[in-house]
Protein backbone atom coordinates (compact mmCIF):
# COMPACT_ATOMS: atom_id res chain seq x y z
CA MET A 1 104.78 130.89 95.23
CA ALA A 2 106.81 130.76 92.05
CA ALA A 3 105.26 129.59 88.81
CA PRO A 4 106.37 126.12 87.65
CA LYS A 5 109.18 126.17 85.14
CA VAL A 6 108.08 125.15 81.66
CA VAL A 7 110.52 122.86 79.91
CA GLN A 8 110.09 122.51 76.19
CA GLN A 9 111.36 119.43 74.45
CA THR A 10 113.16 119.48 71.17
CA PRO A 11 112.21 116.78 68.66
CA GLU A 12 115.41 114.88 69.51
CA THR A 13 114.69 114.78 73.24
CA ALA A 14 111.08 113.81 72.55
CA VAL A 15 112.28 110.84 70.48
CA LEU A 16 114.72 109.78 73.20
CA THR A 17 112.06 110.06 75.88
CA ALA A 18 109.64 108.01 73.80
CA ARG A 19 112.28 105.31 73.22
CA ILE A 20 113.06 105.11 76.94
CA GLU A 21 109.38 104.80 77.82
CA ASP A 22 108.96 102.15 75.11
CA LEU A 23 111.87 100.15 76.54
CA ARG A 24 110.43 100.40 80.06
CA HIS A 25 107.10 99.15 78.75
CA PHE A 26 108.68 96.17 76.97
CA ILE A 27 110.80 95.25 80.00
CA THR A 28 107.67 95.27 82.14
CA MET A 29 105.86 93.07 79.62
CA ILE A 30 108.76 90.60 79.53
CA GLY A 31 108.64 90.39 83.33
CA ARG A 32 104.91 89.71 83.27
CA ASP A 33 105.29 87.02 80.63
CA SER A 34 108.15 85.43 82.53
CA ARG A 35 106.17 85.37 85.77
CA PHE A 36 103.14 83.91 83.97
CA ALA A 37 105.26 81.19 82.34
CA ALA A 38 106.90 80.31 85.67
CA GLY A 39 103.50 80.00 87.34
CA LEU A 40 102.15 77.90 84.50
CA TRP A 41 105.14 75.56 84.66
CA ALA A 42 104.90 75.23 88.45
CA GLY A 43 101.20 74.44 88.18
CA LEU A 44 101.87 71.81 85.53
CA ILE A 45 104.51 70.10 87.67
CA LYS A 46 102.29 70.21 90.78
CA GLY A 47 99.38 68.73 88.86
CA LEU A 48 101.57 66.00 87.41
CA ALA A 49 102.96 65.14 90.85
CA ILE A 50 99.50 65.03 92.44
CA GLY A 51 98.17 62.90 89.59
CA LEU A 52 101.03 60.41 89.80
CA PHE A 53 100.78 60.17 93.59
CA THR A 54 97.01 59.59 93.43
CA SER A 55 97.36 57.01 90.67
CA PHE A 56 100.06 55.07 92.50
CA PHE A 57 98.06 55.23 95.72
CA LEU A 58 94.88 53.91 94.09
CA VAL A 59 96.74 51.17 92.19
CA GLY A 60 98.48 50.16 95.43
CA LEU A 61 95.14 49.97 97.27
CA LYS A 62 93.69 47.86 94.48
CA LEU A 63 96.64 45.44 94.61
CA VAL A 64 96.49 45.13 98.40
CA LEU A 65 92.71 44.62 98.58
């Protein structure tokens, strides 16, 4: 079995690799924040809709009875 080839990085390639990894990290974080914000907004709208429906239902029952 052949020994693995050792690839040495020059300072320039190390900087480029670090920048690419940094960009990947930030893109992942933006995706997480976006998904969190979408879930938060959906939960807010669901809660508002449930609250309005319940309020209208209870007020309607009170008016009928």
